[in-house]
Amino acid sequence: MSSPHPSVTPSDLGEHPELAVLEILDTALGMVKLAIIAAHPELTDADPAAVPSIIEVLAAEHVLIAVDTLRRVTATYRAIIKTDARWLQLSLRDVHDDPF
């Protein structure tokens, strides 16, 4: 779950205003995860390889997976936009030059 204090500064928002919405989204996704686990505590003890037999629990598990995925993707986006763009352009150019 995210910290109670936002990880963005006014300066960050001046350069990347989308960080405000990403901060709200991260908090909301954290709450979704807590609510799903509260409604289905069996998911915390479940064998990751086991498929739930109740459709509601299966759907809840899929929500948790989607939440984790979206949080990872948005964290990657945050890291990228805070990185010096010159280094990103160099590394992306190298990827495109690779014949494989």
C-alpha atoms as a PDB file:
ATOM      1  CA  MET A   1       0.000   0.000   0.000  1.00  0.00           C
ATOM      2  CA  SER A   2       1.236   3.501  -0.655  1.00  0.00           C
ATOM      3  CA  SER A   3       2.479   5.788   2.082  1.00  0.00           C
ATOM      4  CA  PRO A   4       0.079   8.289   3.705  1.00  0.00           C
ATOM      5  CA  HIS A   5       2.166  11.136   2.288  1.00  0.00           C
ATOM      6  CA  PRO A   6       2.188  11.624  -1.481  1.00  0.00           C
ATOM      7  CA  SER A   7       5.455  10.773  -3.186  1.00  0.00           C
ATOM      8  CA  VAL A   8       5.115  13.697  -5.597  1.00  0.00           C
ATOM      9  CA  THR A   9       6.111  17.284  -5.046  1.00  0.00           C
ATOM     10  CA  PRO A  10       4.685  20.479  -6.527  1.00  0.00           C
ATOM     11  CA  SER A  11       7.784  20.606  -8.722  1.00  0.00           C
ATOM     12  CA  ASP A  12       7.064  17.063  -9.979  1.00  0.00           C
ATOM     13  CA  LEU A  13       3.495  18.065 -10.804  1.00  0.00           C
ATOM     14  CA  GLY A  14       4.705  21.139 -12.652  1.00  0.00           C
ATOM     15  CA  GLU A  15       6.756  18.923 -14.953  1.00  0.00           C
ATOM     16  CA  HIS A  16       4.404  15.931 -15.057  1.00  0.00           C
ATOM     17  CA  PRO A  17       0.825  16.792 -13.991  1.00  0.00           C
ATOM     18  CA  GLU A  18      -0.308  13.224 -14.689  1.00  0.00           C
ATOM     19  CA  LEU A  19       1.505  12.178 -11.514  1.00  0.00           C
ATOM     20  CA  ALA A  20      -1.411  13.604  -9.502  1.00  0.00           C
ATOM     21  CA  VAL A  21      -3.843  11.156 -11.052  1.00  0.00           C
ATOM     22  CA  LEU A  22      -1.344   8.307 -10.794  1.00  0.00           C
ATOM     23  CA  GLU A  23      -0.994   9.025  -7.065  1.00  0.00           C
ATOM     24  CA  ILE A  24      -4.790   8.884  -6.648  1.00  0.00           C
ATOM     25  CA  LEU A  25      -4.958   5.714  -8.754  1.00  0.00           C
ATOM     26  CA  ASP A  26      -2.277   4.001  -6.673  1.00  0.00           C
ATOM     27  CA  THR A  27      -4.139   4.810  -3.452  1.00  0.00           C
ATOM     28  CA  ALA A  28      -7.428   3.595  -4.920  1.00  0.00           C
ATOM     29  CA  LEU A  29      -5.821   0.356  -6.158  1.00  0.00           C
ATOM     30  CA  GLY A  30      -4.389  -0.232  -2.695  1.00  0.00           C
ATOM     31  CA  MET A  31      -7.860   0.134  -1.225  1.00  0.00           C
ATOM     32  CA  VAL A  32      -9.328  -2.218  -3.845  1.00  0.00           C
ATOM     33  CA  LYS A  33      -6.773  -4.841  -2.870  1.00  0.00           C
ATOM     34  CA  LEU A  34      -7.573  -4.459   0.840  1.00  0.00           C
ATOM     35  CA  ALA A  35     -11.317  -4.661   0.185  1.00  0.00           C
ATOM     36  CA  ILE A  36     -10.997  -7.788  -1.965  1.00  0.00           C
ATOM     37  CA  ILE A  37      -8.835  -9.484   0.663  1.00  0.00           C
ATOM     38  CA  ALA A  38     -11.285  -8.460   3.408  1.00  0.00           C
ATOM     39  CA  ALA A  39     -14.151  -9.976   1.407  1.00  0.00           C
ATOM     40  CA  HIS A  40     -12.162 -13.100   0.486  1.00  0.00           C
ATOM     41  CA  PRO A  41      -9.534 -13.754   3.180  1.00  0.00           C
ATOM     42  CA  GLU A  42      -9.070 -17.261   1.820  1.00  0.00           C
ATOM     43  CA  LEU A  43      -7.092 -15.712  -1.040  1.00  0.00           C
ATOM     44  CA  THR A  44      -4.238 -14.839   1.316  1.00  0.00           C
ATOM     45  CA  ASP A  45      -3.769 -18.481   2.340  1.00  0.00           C
ATOM     46  CA  ALA A  46      -4.493 -20.068  -1.022  1.00  0.00           C
ATOM     47  CA  ASP A  47      -1.984 -22.115  -2.951  1.00  0.00           C
ATOM     48  CA  PRO A  48      -0.978 -19.870  -5.881  1.00  0.00           C
ATOM     49  CA  ALA A  49      -1.209 -22.827  -8.260  1.00  0.00           C
ATOM     50  CA  ALA A  50      -4.710 -23.813  -7.112  1.00  0.00           C
ATOM     51  CA  VAL A  51      -7.727 -22.612  -9.068  1.00  0.00           C
ATOM     52  CA  PRO A  52     -10.572 -21.406  -6.809  1.00  0.00           C
ATOM     53  CA  SER A  53     -13.719 -23.507  -7.112  1.00  0.00           C
ATOM     54  CA  ILE A  54     -16.126 -20.619  -6.483  1.00  0.00           C
ATOM     55  CA  ILE A  55     -16.538 -18.239  -9.425  1.00  0.00           C
ATOM     56  CA  GLU A  56     -16.698 -15.163  -7.162  1.00  0.00           C
ATOM     57  CA  VAL A  57     -13.369 -16.066  -5.564  1.00  0.00           C
ATOM     58  CA  LEU A  58     -11.847 -16.693  -8.990  1.00  0.00           C
ATOM     59  CA  ALA A  59     -13.046 -13.264 -10.149  1.00  0.00           C
ATOM     60  CA  ALA A  60     -11.648 -11.681  -6.983  1.00  0.00           C
ATOM     61  CA  GLU A  61      -8.300 -13.345  -7.632  1.00  0.00           C
ATOM     62  CA  HIS A  62      -8.296 -11.928 -11.163  1.00  0.00           C
ATOM     63  CA  VAL A  63      -8.951  -8.450  -9.762  1.00  0.00           C
ATOM     64  CA  LEU A  64      -5.970  -8.814  -7.421  1.00  0.00           C
ATOM     65  CA  ILE A  65      -3.762  -9.879 -10.319  1.00  0.00           C
ATOM     66  CA  ALA A  66      -4.959  -6.920 -12.402  1.00  0.00           C
ATOM     67  CA  VAL A  67      -4.360  -4.512  -9.503  1.00  0.00           C
ATOM     68  CA  ASP A  68      -0.802  -5.768  -9.039  1.00  0.00           C
ATOM     69  CA  THR A  69      -0.128  -5.535 -12.766  1.00  0.00           C
ATOM     70  CA  LEU A  70      -1.483  -2.002 -13.072  1.00  0.00           C
ATOM     71  CA  ARG A  71       0.517  -0.875 -10.045  1.00  0.00           C
ATOM     72  CA  ARG A  72       3.719  -2.293 -11.561  1.00  0.00           C
ATOM     73  CA  VAL A  73       3.031  -0.644 -14.927  1.00  0.00           C
ATOM     74  CA  THR A  74       2.289   2.756 -13.398  1.00  0.00           C
ATOM     75  CA  ALA A  75       5.369   2.494 -11.158  1.00  0.00           C
ATOM     76  CA  THR A  76       7.455   1.846 -14.265  1.00  0.00           C
ATOM     77  CA  TYR A  77       5.885   4.856 -15.985  1.00  0.00           C
ATOM     78  CA  ARG A  78       6.656   7.035 -12.959  1.00  0.00           C
ATOM     79  CA  ALA A  79      10.266   5.888 -12.954  1.00  0.00           C
ATOM     80  CA  ILE A  80      10.637   6.534 -16.667  1.00  0.00           C
ATOM     81  CA  ILE A  81       9.244  10.061 -16.651  1.00  0.00           C
ATOM     82  CA  LYS A  82      11.496  10.988 -13.728  1.00  0.00           C
ATOM     83  CA  THR A  83      14.580   9.699 -15.564  1.00  0.00           C
ATOM     84  CA  ASP A  84      16.789  11.915 -17.672  1.00  0.00           C
ATOM     85  CA  ALA A  85      15.264  11.626 -21.172  1.00  0.00           C
ATOM     86  CA  ARG A  86      18.669  11.683 -22.877  1.00  0.00           C
ATOM     87  CA  TRP A  87      19.596   8.342 -21.315  1.00  0.00           C
ATOM     88  CA  LEU A  88      16.265   6.833 -22.295  1.00  0.00           C
ATOM     89  CA  GLN A  89      16.681   7.919 -25.904  1.00  0.00           C
ATOM     90  CA  LEU A  90      20.124   6.354 -26.070  1.00  0.00           C
ATOM     91  CA  SER A  91      18.936   3.040 -24.646  1.00  0.00           C
ATOM     92  CA  LEU A  92      15.847   2.962 -26.886  1.00  0.00           C
ATOM     93  CA  ARG A  93      17.967   3.699 -29.946  1.00  0.00           C
ATOM     94  CA  ASP A  94      20.199   0.754 -29.025  1.00  0.00           C
ATOM     95  CA  VAL A  95      17.171  -1.520 -28.806  1.00  0.00           C
ATOM     96  CA  HIS A  96      15.942  -0.499 -32.262  1.00  0.00           C
ATOM     97  CA  ASP A  97      19.393  -1.008 -33.774  1.00  0.00           C
ATOM     98  CA  ASP A  98      19.485  -4.600 -32.555  1.00  0.00           C
ATOM     99  CA  PRO A  99      18.756  -6.895 -35.562  1.00  0.00           C
ATOM    100  CA  PHE A 100      17.077  -9.479 -33.325  1.00  0.00           C
END
